[in-house]
Amino acid sequence: MRNPFRPLMGEAVFAVQHGSWRDDYRKQVAELHSPKRHSHVAIAEVEGTIAGYVA
């Protein structure tokens, strides 16, 4: 997965601000769906591949 912010920010700023973005996304996305908190995620799928999500 390619992060679209990297070329806009430059390598030095990106490394400090978002160097572990994959790990951050894994944690944050997993916490989005929480029916007990009335928080849900909808997934968009195109030909069997996840195209996006909204929470």
C-alpha atoms as a PDB file:
ATOM      1  CA  MET A   1       0.000   0.000   0.000  1.00  0.00           C
ATOM      2  CA  ARG A   2       1.385   3.408  -0.966  1.00  0.00           C
ATOM      3  CA  ASN A   3       0.778   6.414   1.268  1.00  0.00           C
ATOM      4  CA  PRO A   4      -0.319   9.470  -0.772  1.00  0.00           C
ATOM      5  CA  PHE A   5       0.998  11.978   1.794  1.00  0.00           C
ATOM      6  CA  ARG A   6       4.653  10.916   1.547  1.00  0.00           C
ATOM      7  CA  PRO A   7       5.534  12.892  -1.628  1.00  0.00           C
ATOM      8  CA  LEU A   8       3.655  15.952  -0.377  1.00  0.00           C
ATOM      9  CA  MET A   9       5.410  16.075   2.995  1.00  0.00           C
ATOM     10  CA  GLY A  10       8.931  15.055   2.049  1.00  0.00           C
ATOM     11  CA  GLU A  11      10.814  12.113   3.518  1.00  0.00           C
ATOM     12  CA  ALA A  12      12.098  13.783   6.712  1.00  0.00           C
ATOM     13  CA  VAL A  13       8.714  15.148   7.849  1.00  0.00           C
ATOM     14  CA  PHE A  14       6.893  11.980   6.798  1.00  0.00           C
ATOM     15  CA  ALA A  15       9.269   9.793   8.829  1.00  0.00           C
ATOM     16  CA  VAL A  16       8.659  11.834  11.988  1.00  0.00           C
ATOM     17  CA  GLN A  17       4.903  12.340  11.570  1.00  0.00           C
ATOM     18  CA  HIS A  18       3.830   9.079   9.926  1.00  0.00           C
ATOM     19  CA  GLY A  19       6.792   6.704   9.932  1.00  0.00           C
ATOM     20  CA  SER A  20       4.687   3.871  11.361  1.00  0.00           C
ATOM     21  CA  TRP A  21       1.481   4.673   9.477  1.00  0.00           C
ATOM     22  CA  ARG A  22       0.785   1.021   8.590  1.00  0.00           C
ATOM     23  CA  ASP A  23       0.808   0.004  12.247  1.00  0.00           C
ATOM     24  CA  ASP A  24      -1.214   3.105  13.183  1.00  0.00           C
ATOM     25  CA  TYR A  25      -3.870   2.266  10.542  1.00  0.00           C
ATOM     26  CA  ARG A  26      -4.065  -1.375  11.664  1.00  0.00           C
ATOM     27  CA  LYS A  27      -4.832  -0.257  15.215  1.00  0.00           C
ATOM     28  CA  GLN A  28      -7.136   2.651  14.348  1.00  0.00           C
ATOM     29  CA  VAL A  29      -9.208   0.849  11.710  1.00  0.00           C
ATOM     30  CA  ALA A  30      -9.753  -2.150  13.969  1.00  0.00           C
ATOM     31  CA  GLU A  31     -11.129   0.153  16.680  1.00  0.00           C
ATOM     32  CA  LEU A  32     -13.598   1.920  14.364  1.00  0.00           C
ATOM     33  CA  HIS A  33     -16.233  -0.831  14.444  1.00  0.00           C
ATOM     34  CA  SER A  34     -17.760  -0.927  17.912  1.00  0.00           C
ATOM     35  CA  PRO A  35     -21.500  -1.622  17.990  1.00  0.00           C
ATOM     36  CA  LYS A  36     -21.499  -1.174  21.771  1.00  0.00           C
ATOM     37  CA  ARG A  37     -20.458   2.455  21.183  1.00  0.00           C
ATOM     38  CA  HIS A  38     -22.860   2.780  18.218  1.00  0.00           C
ATOM     39  CA  SER A  39     -19.876   3.032  15.870  1.00  0.00           C
ATOM     40  CA  HIS A  40     -20.028   1.066  12.607  1.00  0.00           C
ATOM     41  CA  VAL A  41     -17.968   0.601   9.450  1.00  0.00           C
ATOM     42  CA  ALA A  42     -19.279   0.226   5.892  1.00  0.00           C
ATOM     43  CA  ILE A  43     -17.025  -1.435   3.319  1.00  0.00           C
ATOM     44  CA  ALA A  44     -17.060  -0.759  -0.436  1.00  0.00           C
ATOM     45  CA  GLU A  45     -16.114  -3.786  -2.498  1.00  0.00           C
ATOM     46  CA  VAL A  46     -15.319  -3.955  -6.228  1.00  0.00           C
ATOM     47  CA  GLU A  47     -14.944  -7.381  -7.844  1.00  0.00           C
ATOM     48  CA  GLY A  48     -14.022  -9.017  -4.546  1.00  0.00           C
ATOM     49  CA  THR A  49     -11.469  -6.384  -3.513  1.00  0.00           C
ATOM     50  CA  ILE A  50     -11.966  -3.791  -0.795  1.00  0.00           C
ATOM     51  CA  ALA A  51     -12.136  -0.393  -2.514  1.00  0.00           C
ATOM     52  CA  GLY A  52     -12.689   1.747   0.573  1.00  0.00           C
ATOM     53  CA  TYR A  53     -14.485   2.155   3.843  1.00  0.00           C
ATOM     54  CA  VAL A  54     -16.343   4.752   5.866  1.00  0.00           C
ATOM     55  CA  ALA A  55     -16.880   4.834   9.604  1.00  0.00           C
END
